[in-house]
């Protein structure tokens, strides 16, 4: 397995991402809530740049006890990134498509060696 340099660990700040390319692999690397996540930058819908769009908290319906809607809210416990081509949303922690959890981006392992971050390709 090859390793591709991503960044110095302190350069990838909370809520940021990096896109790295190694051969035929284009990979989005995210830092969210102190954790690192890396996924294929190839959207499962039509091949768009899945990791390059908006980063947003999960949008969900806020329900009253009688199950009627109070409106939409942002749930920051689950962050998503959105493919800019057609709006497919992916769960930051799992790489699953938010609208169809059976669809999942390829996940890559991240290694830290000293101060350097690498993605395993």
PDB file of N, CA and C in Angstrom:
ATOM      1  N   UNK A   1       0.831  -1.183   0.000  1.00  0.00           N
ATOM      2  CA  UNK A   1       0.000   0.000   0.000  1.00  0.00           C
ATOM      3  C   UNK A   1       0.879   1.251   0.000  1.00  0.00           C
ATOM      4  N   UNK A   2       0.519   2.190  -0.838  1.00  0.00           N
ATOM      5  CA  UNK A   2       1.243   3.451  -0.918  1.00  0.00           C
ATOM      6  C   UNK A   2       0.647   4.451   0.063  1.00  0.00           C
ATOM      7  N   UNK A   3       1.449   5.430   0.451  1.00  0.00           N
ATOM      8  CA  UNK A   3       0.986   6.504   1.323  1.00  0.00           C
ATOM      9  C   UNK A   3       1.159   7.821   0.589  1.00  0.00           C
ATOM     10  N   UNK A   4       0.164   8.691   0.705  1.00  0.00           N
ATOM     11  CA  UNK A   4       0.174   9.989   0.046  1.00  0.00           C
ATOM     12  C   UNK A   4       0.127  11.077   1.114  1.00  0.00           C
ATOM     13  N   UNK A   5       1.090  11.986   1.081  1.00  0.00           N
ATOM     14  CA  UNK A   5       1.136  13.079   2.054  1.00  0.00           C
ATOM     15  C   UNK A   5      -0.099  13.972   1.901  1.00  0.00           C
ATOM     16  N   UNK A   6      -0.709  14.325   3.033  1.00  0.00           N
ATOM     17  CA  UNK A   6      -1.889  15.195   3.041  1.00  0.00           C
ATOM     18  C   UNK A   6      -1.512  16.594   3.500  1.00  0.00           C
ATOM     19  N   UNK A   7      -0.932  16.681   4.704  1.00  0.00           N
ATOM     20  CA  UNK A   7      -0.593  17.977   5.292  1.00  0.00           C
ATOM     21  C   UNK A   7       0.141  17.729   6.600  1.00  0.00           C
ATOM     22  N   UNK A   8       0.715  18.781   7.142  1.00  0.00           N
ATOM     23  CA  UNK A   8       1.174  18.741   8.525  1.00  0.00           C
ATOM     24  C   UNK A   8      -0.088  18.696   9.382  1.00  0.00           C
ATOM     25  N   UNK A   9      -0.049  17.950  10.470  1.00  0.00           N
ATOM     26  CA  UNK A   9      -1.251  17.761  11.298  1.00  0.00           C
ATOM     27  C   UNK A   9      -1.848  19.081  11.765  1.00  0.00           C
ATOM     28  N   UNK A  10      -1.011  20.042  12.135  1.00  0.00           N
ATOM     29  CA  UNK A  10      -1.546  21.313  12.631  1.00  0.00           C
ATOM     30  C   UNK A  10      -2.009  22.249  11.510  1.00  0.00           C
ATOM     31  N   UNK A  11      -1.774  21.886  10.259  1.00  0.00           N
ATOM     32  CA  UNK A  11      -2.234  22.705   9.133  1.00  0.00           C
ATOM     33  C   UNK A  11      -3.681  22.408   8.752  1.00  0.00           C
ATOM     34  N   UNK A  12      -4.150  21.202   9.053  1.00  0.00           N
ATOM     35  CA  UNK A  12      -5.533  20.831   8.741  1.00  0.00           C
ATOM     36  C   UNK A  12      -6.387  21.134   9.966  1.00  0.00           C
ATOM     37  N   UNK A  13      -6.995  22.310   9.959  1.00  0.00           N
ATOM     38  CA  UNK A  13      -7.748  22.809  11.111  1.00  0.00           C
ATOM     39  C   UNK A  13      -9.150  22.189  11.175  1.00  0.00           C
ATOM     40  N   UNK A  14      -9.767  22.324  12.332  1.00  0.00           N
ATOM     41  CA  UNK A  14     -11.128  21.837  12.560  1.00  0.00           C
ATOM     42  C   UNK A  14     -12.074  22.405  11.498  1.00  0.00           C
ATOM     43  N   UNK A  15     -12.862  21.509  10.884  1.00  0.00           N
ATOM     44  CA  UNK A  15     -13.835  21.917   9.876  1.00  0.00           C
ATOM     45  C   UNK A  15     -13.260  22.108   8.480  1.00  0.00           C
ATOM     46  N   UNK A  16     -11.957  21.874   8.311  1.00  0.00           N
ATOM     47  CA  UNK A  16     -11.325  22.048   7.004  1.00  0.00           C
ATOM     48  C   UNK A  16     -11.196  20.720   6.281  1.00  0.00           C
ATOM     49  N   UNK A  17     -10.844  20.823   5.007  1.00  0.00           N
ATOM     50  CA  UNK A  17     -10.612  19.635   4.176  1.00  0.00           C
ATOM     51  C   UNK A  17      -9.442  19.892   3.254  1.00  0.00           C
ATOM     52  N   UNK A  18      -8.891  18.814   2.767  1.00  0.00           N
ATOM     53  CA  UNK A  18      -7.861  18.846   1.731  1.00  0.00           C
ATOM     54  C   UNK A  18      -8.243  17.813   0.691  1.00  0.00           C
ATOM     55  N   UNK A  19      -7.975  18.118  -0.558  1.00  0.00           N
ATOM     56  CA  UNK A  19      -8.142  17.162  -1.643  1.00  0.00           C
ATOM     57  C   UNK A  19      -6.750  16.778  -2.095  1.00  0.00           C
ATOM     58  N   UNK A  20      -6.450  15.487  -2.076  1.00  0.00           N
ATOM     59  CA  UNK A  20      -5.142  15.005  -2.515  1.00  0.00           C
ATOM     60  C   UNK A  20      -5.332  14.052  -3.690  1.00  0.00           C
ATOM     61  N   UNK A  21      -4.323  14.015  -4.545  1.00  0.00           N
ATOM     62  CA  UNK A  21      -4.372  13.142  -5.724  1.00  0.00           C
ATOM     63  C   UNK A  21      -3.146  12.251  -5.700  1.00  0.00           C
ATOM     64  N   UNK A  22      -3.392  10.961  -5.867  1.00  0.00           N
ATOM     65  CA  UNK A  22      -2.308   9.982  -5.947  1.00  0.00           C
ATOM     66  C   UNK A  22      -2.656   9.016  -7.076  1.00  0.00           C
ATOM     67  N   UNK A  23      -1.973   9.145  -8.193  1.00  0.00           N
ATOM     68  CA  UNK A  23      -2.287   8.313  -9.355  1.00  0.00           C
ATOM     69  C   UNK A  23      -3.714   8.559  -9.800  1.00  0.00           C
ATOM     70  N   UNK A  24      -4.514   7.491  -9.859  1.00  0.00           N
ATOM     71  CA  UNK A  24      -5.918   7.587 -10.263  1.00  0.00           C
ATOM     72  C   UNK A  24      -6.851   7.900  -9.090  1.00  0.00           C
ATOM     73  N   UNK A  25      -6.302   8.051  -7.907  1.00  0.00           N
ATOM     74  CA  UNK A  25      -7.111   8.268  -6.713  1.00  0.00           C
ATOM     75  C   UNK A  25      -7.171   9.755  -6.378  1.00  0.00           C
ATOM     76  N   UNK A  26      -8.393  10.269  -6.255  1.00  0.00           N
ATOM     77  CA  UNK A  26      -8.616  11.632  -5.774  1.00  0.00           C
ATOM     78  C   UNK A  26      -9.385  11.485  -4.474  1.00  0.00           C
ATOM     79  N   UNK A  27      -8.842  12.051  -3.393  1.00  0.00           N
ATOM     80  CA  UNK A  27      -9.341  11.758  -2.051  1.00  0.00           C
ATOM     81  C   UNK A  27      -9.575  13.054  -1.282  1.00  0.00           C
ATOM     82  N   UNK A  28     -10.729  13.130  -0.636  1.00  0.00           N
ATOM     83  CA  UNK A  28     -11.031  14.253   0.257  1.00  0.00           C
ATOM     84  C   UNK A  28     -10.719  13.852   1.683  1.00  0.00           C
ATOM     85  N   UNK A  29      -9.937  14.687   2.367  1.00  0.00           N
ATOM     86  CA  UNK A  29      -9.569  14.438   3.761  1.00  0.00           C
ATOM     87  C   UNK A  29     -10.164  15.562   4.608  1.00  0.00           C
ATOM     88  N   UNK A  30     -10.931  15.198   5.632  1.00  0.00           N
ATOM     89  CA  UNK A  30     -11.656  16.151   6.474  1.00  0.00           C
ATOM     90  C   UNK A  30     -11.208  16.017   7.925  1.00  0.00           C
ATOM     91  N   UNK A  31     -11.246  17.145   8.650  1.00  0.00           N
ATOM     92  CA  UNK A  31     -11.107  17.110  10.107  1.00  0.00           C
ATOM     93  C   UNK A  31     -12.436  17.599  10.678  1.00  0.00           C
ATOM     94  N   UNK A  32     -13.101  16.719  11.431  1.00  0.00           N
ATOM     95  CA  UNK A  32     -14.388  17.038  12.028  1.00  0.00           C
ATOM     96  C   UNK A  32     -14.417  16.552  13.469  1.00  0.00           C
ATOM     97  N   UNK A  33     -14.663  17.471  14.380  1.00  0.00           N
ATOM     98  CA  UNK A  33     -14.730  17.161  15.818  1.00  0.00           C
ATOM     99  C   UNK A  33     -13.472  16.429  16.281  1.00  0.00           C
ATOM    100  N   UNK A  34     -12.335  16.866  15.757  1.00  0.00           N
ATOM    101  CA  UNK A  34     -11.051  16.293  16.150  1.00  0.00           C
ATOM    102  C   UNK A  34     -10.678  15.003  15.450  1.00  0.00           C
ATOM    103  N   UNK A  35     -11.585  14.435  14.661  1.00  0.00           N
ATOM    104  CA  UNK A  35     -11.315  13.182  13.956  1.00  0.00           C
ATOM    105  C   UNK A  35     -10.999  13.450  12.486  1.00  0.00           C
ATOM    106  N   UNK A  36     -10.208  12.572  11.902  1.00  0.00           N
ATOM    107  CA  UNK A  36      -9.875  12.664  10.482  1.00  0.00           C
ATOM    108  C   UNK A  36     -10.662  11.624   9.700  1.00  0.00           C
ATOM    109  N   UNK A  37     -11.174  12.028   8.549  1.00  0.00           N
ATOM    110  CA  UNK A  37     -11.933  11.144   7.676  1.00  0.00           C
ATOM    111  C   UNK A  37     -11.440  11.350   6.252  1.00  0.00           C
ATOM    112  N   UNK A  38     -11.338  10.259   5.485  1.00  0.00           N
ATOM    113  CA  UNK A  38     -10.889  10.366   4.089  1.00  0.00           C
ATOM    114  C   UNK A  38     -11.778   9.491   3.214  1.00  0.00           C
ATOM    115  N   UNK A  39     -12.260  10.096   2.102  1.00  0.00           N
ATOM    116  CA  UNK A  39     -13.167   9.403   1.185  1.00  0.00           C
ATOM    117  C   UNK A  39     -12.796   9.683  -0.261  1.00  0.00           C
ATOM    118  N   UNK A  40     -13.209   8.774  -1.116  1.00  0.00           N
ATOM    119  CA  UNK A  40     -13.075   8.981  -2.546  1.00  0.00           C
ATOM    120  C   UNK A  40     -13.816  10.252  -2.940  1.00  0.00           C
ATOM    121  N   UNK A  41     -13.186  11.042  -3.794  1.00  0.00           N
ATOM    122  CA  UNK A  41     -13.791  12.289  -4.256  1.00  0.00           C
ATOM    123  C   UNK A  41     -14.593  12.047  -5.533  1.00  0.00           C
ATOM    124  N   UNK A  42     -15.217  10.889  -5.642  1.00  0.00           N
ATOM    125  CA  UNK A  42     -15.976  10.490  -6.823  1.00  0.00           C
ATOM    126  C   UNK A  42     -17.406  10.203  -6.397  1.00  0.00           C
ATOM    127  N   UNK A  43     -18.332  11.127  -6.683  1.00  0.00           N
ATOM    128  CA  UNK A  43     -19.723  10.985  -6.256  1.00  0.00           C
ATOM    129  C   UNK A  43     -20.363   9.744  -6.872  1.00  0.00           C
ATOM    130  N   UNK A  44     -21.143   9.041  -6.080  1.00  0.00           N
ATOM    131  CA  UNK A  44     -21.800   7.814  -6.522  1.00  0.00           C
ATOM    132  C   UNK A  44     -22.946   8.085  -7.486  1.00  0.00           C
ATOM    133  N   UNK A  45     -23.388   9.312  -7.600  1.00  0.00           N
ATOM    134  CA  UNK A  45     -24.489   9.659  -8.482  1.00  0.00           C
ATOM    135  C   UNK A  45     -24.026   9.735  -9.928  1.00  0.00           C
ATOM    136  N   UNK A  46     -23.162  10.724 -10.242  1.00  0.00           N
ATOM    137  CA  UNK A  46     -22.696  10.869 -11.620  1.00  0.00           C
ATOM    138  C   UNK A  46     -21.220  11.232 -11.699  1.00  0.00           C
ATOM    139  N   UNK A  47     -20.463  10.865 -10.667  1.00  0.00           N
ATOM    140  CA  UNK A  47     -19.014  11.035 -10.718  1.00  0.00           C
ATOM    141  C   UNK A  47     -18.501  12.423 -10.418  1.00  0.00           C
ATOM    142  N   UNK A  48     -19.328  13.285  -9.870  1.00  0.00           N
ATOM    143  CA  UNK A  48     -18.885  14.636  -9.525  1.00  0.00           C
ATOM    144  C   UNK A  48     -17.890  14.629  -8.375  1.00  0.00           C
ATOM    145  N   UNK A  49     -17.363  15.807  -8.030  1.00  0.00           N
ATOM    146  CA  UNK A  49     -16.372  15.922  -6.946  1.00  0.00           C
ATOM    147  C   UNK A  49     -17.056  15.915  -5.571  1.00  0.00           C
ATOM    148  N   UNK A  50     -17.388  14.742  -5.093  1.00  0.00           N
ATOM    149  CA  UNK A  50     -18.213  14.564  -3.889  1.00  0.00           C
ATOM    150  C   UNK A  50     -17.707  15.332  -2.676  1.00  0.00           C
ATOM    151  N   UNK A  51     -16.405  15.439  -2.519  1.00  0.00           N
ATOM    152  CA  UNK A  51     -15.824  16.018  -1.303  1.00  0.00           C
ATOM    153  C   UNK A  51     -15.570  17.521  -1.392  1.00  0.00           C
ATOM    154  N   UNK A  52     -15.932  18.146  -2.501  1.00  0.00           N
ATOM    155  CA  UNK A  52     -15.529  19.527  -2.708  1.00  0.00           C
ATOM    156  C   UNK A  52     -16.614  20.563  -2.452  1.00  0.00           C
ATOM    157  N   UNK A  53     -17.816  20.121  -2.117  1.00  0.00           N
ATOM    158  CA  UNK A  53     -18.909  21.064  -1.918  1.00  0.00           C
ATOM    159  C   UNK A  53     -19.041  21.524  -0.484  1.00  0.00           C
ATOM    160  N   UNK A  54     -20.205  22.033  -0.201  1.00  0.00           N
ATOM    161  CA  UNK A  54     -20.560  22.592   1.094  1.00  0.00           C
ATOM    162  C   UNK A  54     -20.414  21.549   2.201  1.00  0.00           C
ATOM    163  N   UNK A  55     -19.948  21.997   3.362  1.00  0.00           N
ATOM    164  CA  UNK A  55     -19.971  21.186   4.582  1.00  0.00           C
ATOM    165  C   UNK A  55     -21.078  21.777   5.445  1.00  0.00           C
ATOM    166  N   UNK A  56     -22.032  20.927   5.835  1.00  0.00           N
ATOM    167  CA  UNK A  56     -23.236  21.420   6.509  1.00  0.00           C
ATOM    168  C   UNK A  56     -23.700  20.406   7.554  1.00  0.00           C
ATOM    169  N   UNK A  57     -24.325  20.916   8.597  1.00  0.00           N
ATOM    170  CA  UNK A  57     -24.923  20.023   9.590  1.00  0.00           C
ATOM    171  C   UNK A  57     -26.146  19.346   8.982  1.00  0.00           C
ATOM    172  N   UNK A  58     -26.442  18.148   9.465  1.00  0.00           N
ATOM    173  CA  UNK A  58     -27.611  17.405   8.994  1.00  0.00           C
ATOM    174  C   UNK A  58     -28.876  18.234   9.213  1.00  0.00           C
ATOM    175  N   UNK A  59     -29.718  18.294   8.198  1.00  0.00           N
ATOM    176  CA  UNK A  59     -31.000  18.980   8.304  1.00  0.00           C
ATOM    177  C   UNK A  59     -32.054  17.933   8.666  1.00  0.00           C
ATOM    178  N   UNK A  60     -32.799  18.216   9.717  1.00  0.00           N
ATOM    179  CA  UNK A  60     -33.845  17.269  10.117  1.00  0.00           C
ATOM    180  C   UNK A  60     -35.070  18.034  10.601  1.00  0.00           C
ATOM    181  N   UNK A  61     -36.178  17.327  10.621  1.00  0.00           N
ATOM    182  CA  UNK A  61     -37.449  17.919  11.037  1.00  0.00           C
ATOM    183  C   UNK A  61     -37.547  17.923  12.559  1.00  0.00           C
ATOM    184  N   UNK A  62     -37.945  19.051  13.126  1.00  0.00           N
ATOM    185  CA  UNK A  62     -38.171  19.185  14.560  1.00  0.00           C
ATOM    186  C   UNK A  62     -39.656  18.923  14.811  1.00  0.00           C
ATOM    187  N   UNK A  63     -39.956  17.855  15.542  1.00  0.00           N
ATOM    188  CA  UNK A  63     -41.345  17.433  15.741  1.00  0.00           C
ATOM    189  C   UNK A  63     -41.841  17.751  17.144  1.00  0.00           C
ATOM    190  N   UNK A  64     -43.110  18.120  17.203  1.00  0.00           N
ATOM    191  CA  UNK A  64     -43.809  18.298  18.485  1.00  0.00           C
ATOM    192  C   UNK A  64     -44.167  16.910  19.023  1.00  0.00           C
ATOM    193  N   UNK A  65     -44.588  16.811  20.285  1.00  0.00           N
ATOM    194  CA  UNK A  65     -44.987  15.507  20.830  1.00  0.00           C
ATOM    195  C   UNK A  65     -46.088  14.808  20.027  1.00  0.00           C
ATOM    196  N   UNK A  66     -46.961  15.599  19.361  1.00  0.00           N
ATOM    197  CA  UNK A  66     -48.029  14.975  18.573  1.00  0.00           C
ATOM    198  C   UNK A  66     -47.571  14.646  17.147  1.00  0.00           C
ATOM    199  N   UNK A  67     -46.275  14.767  16.898  1.00  0.00           N
ATOM    200  CA  UNK A  67     -45.627  14.414  15.613  1.00  0.00           C
ATOM    201  C   UNK A  67     -45.919  15.407  14.483  1.00  0.00           C
ATOM    202  N   UNK A  68     -46.442  16.592  14.812  1.00  0.00           N
ATOM    203  CA  UNK A  68     -46.559  17.634  13.795  1.00  0.00           C
ATOM    204  C   UNK A  68     -45.255  18.420  13.757  1.00  0.00           C
ATOM    205  N   UNK A  69     -44.980  19.017  12.639  1.00  0.00           N
ATOM    206  CA  UNK A  69     -43.695  19.670  12.414  1.00  0.00           C
ATOM    207  C   UNK A  69     -43.638  21.072  12.995  1.00  0.00           C
ATOM    208  N   UNK A  70     -42.518  21.365  13.641  1.00  0.00           N
ATOM    209  CA  UNK A  70     -42.211  22.732  14.070  1.00  0.00           C
ATOM    210  C   UNK A  70     -41.307  23.404  13.035  1.00  0.00           C
ATOM    211  N   UNK A  71     -40.817  22.634  12.069  1.00  0.00           N
ATOM    212  CA  UNK A  71     -39.915  23.170  11.050  1.00  0.00           C
ATOM    213  C   UNK A  71     -38.613  22.389  10.999  1.00  0.00           C
ATOM    214  N   UNK A  72     -37.693  22.870  10.199  1.00  0.00           N
ATOM    215  CA  UNK A  72     -36.409  22.202  10.021  1.00  0.00           C
ATOM    216  C   UNK A  72     -35.359  22.818  10.942  1.00  0.00           C
ATOM    217  N   UNK A  73     -34.450  21.959  11.404  1.00  0.00           N
ATOM    218  CA  UNK A  73     -33.344  22.402  12.252  1.00  0.00           C
ATOM    219  C   UNK A  73     -32.052  21.763  11.752  1.00  0.00           C
ATOM    220  N   UNK A  74     -30.935  22.330  12.174  1.00  0.00           N
ATOM    221  CA  UNK A  74     -29.629  21.750  11.890  1.00  0.00           C
ATOM    222  C   UNK A  74     -29.190  20.925  13.090  1.00  0.00           C
ATOM    223  N   UNK A  75     -28.764  19.679  12.838  1.00  0.00           N
ATOM    224  CA  UNK A  75     -28.252  18.801  13.882  1.00  0.00           C
ATOM    225  C   UNK A  75     -26.740  18.703  13.708  1.00  0.00           C
ATOM    226  N   UNK A  76     -25.995  19.435  14.528  1.00  0.00           N
ATOM    227  CA  UNK A  76     -24.532  19.474  14.392  1.00  0.00           C
ATOM    228  C   UNK A  76     -23.853  18.200  14.894  1.00  0.00           C
ATOM    229  N   UNK A  77     -24.633  17.248  15.436  1.00  0.00           N
ATOM    230  CA  UNK A  77     -24.052  15.960  15.826  1.00  0.00           C
ATOM    231  C   UNK A  77     -23.664  15.142  14.599  1.00  0.00           C
ATOM    232  N   UNK A  78     -24.299  15.416  13.462  1.00  0.00           N
ATOM    233  CA  UNK A  78     -24.003  14.695  12.222  1.00  0.00           C
ATOM    234  C   UNK A  78     -23.707  15.707  11.121  1.00  0.00           C
ATOM    235  N   UNK A  79     -22.443  15.785  10.751  1.00  0.00           N
ATOM    236  CA  UNK A  79     -22.047  16.712   9.695  1.00  0.00           C
ATOM    237  C   UNK A  79     -22.055  15.985   8.344  1.00  0.00           C
ATOM    238  N   UNK A  80     -22.396  16.731   7.303  1.00  0.00           N
ATOM    239  CA  UNK A  80     -22.449  16.199   5.938  1.00  0.00           C
ATOM    240  C   UNK A  80     -21.574  17.046   5.028  1.00  0.00           C
ATOM    241  N   UNK A  81     -21.113  16.425   3.945  1.00  0.00           N
ATOM    242  CA  UNK A  81     -20.519  17.195   2.854  1.00  0.00           C
ATOM    243  C   UNK A  81     -21.359  16.906   1.622  1.00  0.00           C
ATOM    244  N   UNK A  82     -21.464  17.902   0.738  1.00  0.00           N
ATOM    245  CA  UNK A  82     -22.432  17.866  -0.349  1.00  0.00           C
ATOM    246  C   UNK A  82     -21.719  17.961  -1.689  1.00  0.00           C
ATOM    247  N   UNK A  83     -21.975  17.006  -2.570  1.00  0.00           N
ATOM    248  CA  UNK A  83     -21.407  17.066  -3.911  1.00  0.00           C
ATOM    249  C   UNK A  83     -21.979  18.303  -4.610  1.00  0.00           C
ATOM    250  N   UNK A  84     -21.120  19.164  -5.151  1.00  0.00           N
ATOM    251  CA  UNK A  84     -21.619  20.406  -5.759  1.00  0.00           C
ATOM    252  C   UNK A  84     -22.361  20.208  -7.078  1.00  0.00           C
ATOM    253  N   UNK A  85     -22.256  19.059  -7.714  1.00  0.00           N
ATOM    254  CA  UNK A  85     -22.937  18.856  -8.993  1.00  0.00           C
ATOM    255  C   UNK A  85     -24.444  18.731  -8.841  1.00  0.00           C
ATOM    256  N   UNK A  86     -24.902  17.817  -7.985  1.00  0.00           N
ATOM    257  CA  UNK A  86     -26.341  17.553  -7.892  1.00  0.00           C
ATOM    258  C   UNK A  86     -26.849  17.443  -6.454  1.00  0.00           C
ATOM    259  N   UNK A  87     -26.024  17.801  -5.488  1.00  0.00           N
ATOM    260  CA  UNK A  87     -26.485  17.881  -4.112  1.00  0.00           C
ATOM    261  C   UNK A  87     -26.538  16.593  -3.315  1.00  0.00           C
ATOM    262  N   UNK A  88     -25.897  15.518  -3.790  1.00  0.00           N
ATOM    263  CA  UNK A  88     -25.856  14.309  -2.973  1.00  0.00           C
ATOM    264  C   UNK A  88     -25.090  14.618  -1.697  1.00  0.00           C
ATOM    265  N   UNK A  89     -25.686  14.258  -0.551  1.00  0.00           N
ATOM    266  CA  UNK A  89     -25.070  14.519   0.748  1.00  0.00           C
ATOM    267  C   UNK A  89     -24.493  13.228   1.307  1.00  0.00           C
ATOM    268  N   UNK A  90     -23.311  13.367   1.920  1.00  0.00           N
ATOM    269  CA  UNK A  90     -22.631  12.220   2.522  1.00  0.00           C
ATOM    270  C   UNK A  90     -22.328  12.507   3.986  1.00  0.00           C
ATOM    271  N   UNK A  91     -22.524  11.486   4.818  1.00  0.00           N
ATOM    272  CA  UNK A  91     -22.237  11.566   6.244  1.00  0.00           C
ATOM    273  C   UNK A  91     -20.722  11.634   6.443  1.00  0.00           C
ATOM    274  N   UNK A  92     -20.274  12.644   7.171  1.00  0.00           N
ATOM    275  CA  UNK A  92     -18.843  12.851   7.389  1.00  0.00           C
ATOM    276  C   UNK A  92     -18.180  11.668   8.108  1.00  0.00           C
ATOM    277  N   UNK A  93     -18.873  11.049   9.063  1.00  0.00           N
ATOM    278  CA  UNK A  93     -18.273   9.963   9.844  1.00  0.00           C
ATOM    279  C   UNK A  93     -18.241   8.632   9.105  1.00  0.00           C
ATOM    280  N   UNK A  94     -19.216   8.389   8.225  1.00  0.00           N
ATOM    281  CA  UNK A  94     -19.348   7.059   7.623  1.00  0.00           C
ATOM    282  C   UNK A  94     -19.147   7.029   6.107  1.00  0.00           C
ATOM    283  N   UNK A  95     -19.312   8.166   5.446  1.00  0.00           N
ATOM    284  CA  UNK A  95     -19.257   8.200   3.979  1.00  0.00           C
ATOM    285  C   UNK A  95     -20.541   7.722   3.327  1.00  0.00           C
ATOM    286  N   UNK A  96     -21.569   7.444   4.125  1.00  0.00           N
ATOM    287  CA  UNK A  96     -22.851   6.991   3.587  1.00  0.00           C
ATOM    288  C   UNK A  96     -23.609   8.158   2.967  1.00  0.00           C
ATOM    289  N   UNK A  97     -24.321   7.862   1.889  1.00  0.00           N
ATOM    290  CA  UNK A  97     -25.192   8.843   1.266  1.00  0.00           C
ATOM    291  C   UNK A  97     -26.378   9.069   2.211  1.00  0.00           C
ATOM    292  N   UNK A  98     -26.656  10.315   2.550  1.00  0.00           N
ATOM    293  CA  UNK A  98     -27.699  10.628   3.536  1.00  0.00           C
ATOM    294  C   UNK A  98     -29.086  10.192   3.081  1.00  0.00           C
ATOM    295  N   UNK A  99     -29.334  10.181   1.764  1.00  0.00           N
ATOM    296  CA  UNK A  99     -30.664   9.820   1.273  1.00  0.00           C
ATOM    297  C   UNK A  99     -30.825   8.323   1.010  1.00  0.00           C
ATOM    298  N   UNK A 100     -29.729   7.590   0.970  1.00  0.00           N
ATOM    299  CA  UNK A 100     -29.775   6.136   0.747  1.00  0.00           C
ATOM    300  C   UNK A 100     -28.543   5.528   1.400  1.00  0.00           C
ATOM    301  N   UNK A 101     -28.685   5.110   2.647  1.00  0.00           N
ATOM    302  CA  UNK A 101     -27.552   4.634   3.456  1.00  0.00           C
ATOM    303  C   UNK A 101     -26.888   3.379   2.902  1.00  0.00           C
ATOM    304  N   UNK A 102     -27.480   2.739   1.894  1.00  0.00           N
ATOM    305  CA  UNK A 102     -26.820   1.582   1.259  1.00  0.00           C
ATOM    306  C   UNK A 102     -25.666   2.036   0.364  1.00  0.00           C
ATOM    307  N   UNK A 103     -25.731   3.287  -0.088  1.00  0.00           N
ATOM    308  CA  UNK A 103     -24.672   3.850  -0.921  1.00  0.00           C
ATOM    309  C   UNK A 103     -23.605   4.463  -0.019  1.00  0.00           C
ATOM    310  N   UNK A 104     -22.349   4.123  -0.297  1.00  0.00           N
ATOM    311  CA  UNK A 104     -21.282   4.546   0.597  1.00  0.00           C
ATOM    312  C   UNK A 104     -20.018   4.823  -0.209  1.00  0.00           C
ATOM    313  N   UNK A 105     -19.399   5.970   0.044  1.00  0.00           N
ATOM    314  CA  UNK A 105     -18.135   6.285  -0.617  1.00  0.00           C
ATOM    315  C   UNK A 105     -17.024   5.391  -0.093  1.00  0.00           C
ATOM    316  N   UNK A 106     -16.029   5.166  -0.931  1.00  0.00           N
ATOM    317  CA  UNK A 106     -14.859   4.406  -0.492  1.00  0.00           C
ATOM    318  C   UNK A 106     -14.130   5.211   0.577  1.00  0.00           C
ATOM    319  N   UNK A 107     -13.806   4.548   1.669  1.00  0.00           N
ATOM    320  CA  UNK A 107     -13.104   5.173   2.792  1.00  0.00           C
ATOM    321  C   UNK A 107     -11.621   4.809   2.697  1.00  0.00           C
ATOM    322  N   UNK A 108     -10.777   5.753   3.065  1.00  0.00           N
ATOM    323  CA  UNK A 108      -9.328   5.529   3.084  1.00  0.00           C
ATOM    324  C   UNK A 108      -8.812   5.688   4.507  1.00  0.00           C
ATOM    325  N   UNK A 109      -7.798   4.905   4.817  1.00  0.00           N
ATOM    326  CA  UNK A 109      -7.150   4.989   6.124  1.00  0.00           C
ATOM    327  C   UNK A 109      -6.221   6.201   6.144  1.00  0.00           C
ATOM    328  N   UNK A 110      -6.154   6.845   7.301  1.00  0.00           N
ATOM    329  CA  UNK A 110      -5.240   7.975   7.495  1.00  0.00           C
ATOM    330  C   UNK A 110      -4.240   7.583   8.574  1.00  0.00           C
ATOM    331  N   UNK A 111      -2.971   7.876   8.308  1.00  0.00           N
ATOM    332  CA  UNK A 111      -1.917   7.607   9.284  1.00  0.00           C
ATOM    333  C   UNK A 111      -1.233   8.912   9.632  1.00  0.00           C
ATOM    334  N   UNK A 112      -0.848   9.019  10.902  1.00  0.00           N
ATOM    335  CA  UNK A 112      -0.042  10.162  11.311  1.00  0.00           C
ATOM    336  C   UNK A 112       1.338   9.647  11.671  1.00  0.00           C
ATOM    337  N   UNK A 113       2.337  10.252  11.058  1.00  0.00           N
ATOM    338  CA  UNK A 113       3.732   9.922  11.347  1.00  0.00           C
ATOM    339  C   UNK A 113       4.404  11.202  11.807  1.00  0.00           C
ATOM    340  N   UNK A 114       4.655  11.278  13.090  1.00  0.00           N
ATOM    341  CA  UNK A 114       5.187  12.528  13.652  1.00  0.00           C
ATOM    342  C   UNK A 114       4.166  13.615  13.459  1.00  0.00           C
ATOM    343  N   UNK A 115       4.562  14.686  12.770  1.00  0.00           N
ATOM    344  CA  UNK A 115       3.647  15.811  12.521  1.00  0.00           C
ATOM    345  C   UNK A 115       2.957  15.706  11.167  1.00  0.00           C
ATOM    346  N   UNK A 116       3.208  14.649  10.415  1.00  0.00           N
ATOM    347  CA  UNK A 116       2.700  14.531   9.043  1.00  0.00           C
ATOM    348  C   UNK A 116       1.501  13.591   8.966  1.00  0.00           C
ATOM    349  N   UNK A 117       0.516  13.982   8.154  1.00  0.00           N
ATOM    350  CA  UNK A 117      -0.653  13.144   7.892  1.00  0.00           C
ATOM    351  C   UNK A 117      -0.525  12.527   6.502  1.00  0.00           C
ATOM    352  N   UNK A 118      -0.840  11.244   6.421  1.00  0.00           N
ATOM    353  CA  UNK A 118      -0.805  10.515   5.153  1.00  0.00           C
ATOM    354  C   UNK A 118      -2.112   9.752   4.973  1.00  0.00           C
ATOM    355  N   UNK A 119      -2.527   9.604   3.733  1.00  0.00           N
ATOM    356  CA  UNK A 119      -3.659   8.741   3.412  1.00  0.00           C
ATOM    357  C   UNK A 119      -3.075   7.500   2.752  1.00  0.00           C
ATOM    358  N   UNK A 120      -3.600   6.325   3.125  1.00  0.00           N
ATOM    359  CA  UNK A 120      -3.118   5.053   2.586  1.00  0.00           C
ATOM    360  C   UNK A 120      -3.939   4.743   1.333  1.00  0.00           C
ATOM    361  N   UNK A 121      -3.244   4.605   0.216  1.00  0.00           N
ATOM    362  CA  UNK A 121      -3.909   4.378  -1.083  1.00  0.00           C
ATOM    363  C   UNK A 121      -3.702   2.942  -1.515  1.00  0.00           C
TER     364      UNK A 121
END
